[in-house]
């Protein structure tokens, strides 16, 4: 074998080895490089705060630090940061809730321009509903210096004044009769006929008196006629 042929074989072997080494380095470099396909983003409603939570996950294991910015249209509404790590990481970025809108998550590596793009994996579109935090009723403040009104127990009957007793017929004394002040007073020394027992003969005495009066009147009339006749 000539020297030239030996030289050609050696050069060829070195070229093949160099190519294999370069290919291995390229594959290894691609495996450890940060790529936009390593990121996923999703948006959800946080009912505790009434805001939107944008969750960004980085599966890159190259340890590259990354800045994350959230947009709605061209408006910057929030941001986050990934520290360089060799494991999968996730961060939650809380931003205002916009109903029926699409959020845009932009990723940029720190210190290099290897990644400067929007995340395309995940769901970043909201529905038309409102994300509202639950409302808590506000208690009405009370004046601590004013004592609460006391309420009587339900079992205590209300106090009522006792009704005046109605006098019965048996206990009511009749009013004393007032005597006639115009009646003549009885003569001194006389007694009531009812007390002496003579009241029962009053009629007979009156009859006798009337007969005597009539007899006297007749006698007077007879004497007058007799006198008149004697004069003629």
Foldseek 3Di string as FASTA:
>chain_A
DDPVVVVVVVVVVVVVVVVVVVVVVVVVCVLQDADLQQKAWEWDFDQAAQWIKIKMKGAHQNQWKKKKFKDFVNHTFWIDIDGGHRGMDMDIITGGDDAQTFMWMWMQTPPDRPGTGIRDHYGRGHHRDGRYHDDDDDDDDDDPVDDDDDDDDPPDDDDDDDDDDDDDPVPDDDDDDDDDPPDDDDDPPDDDCVVVVPPVCPVVVVVVVVVVVVVVVVVVVVVVVVVVVVVD
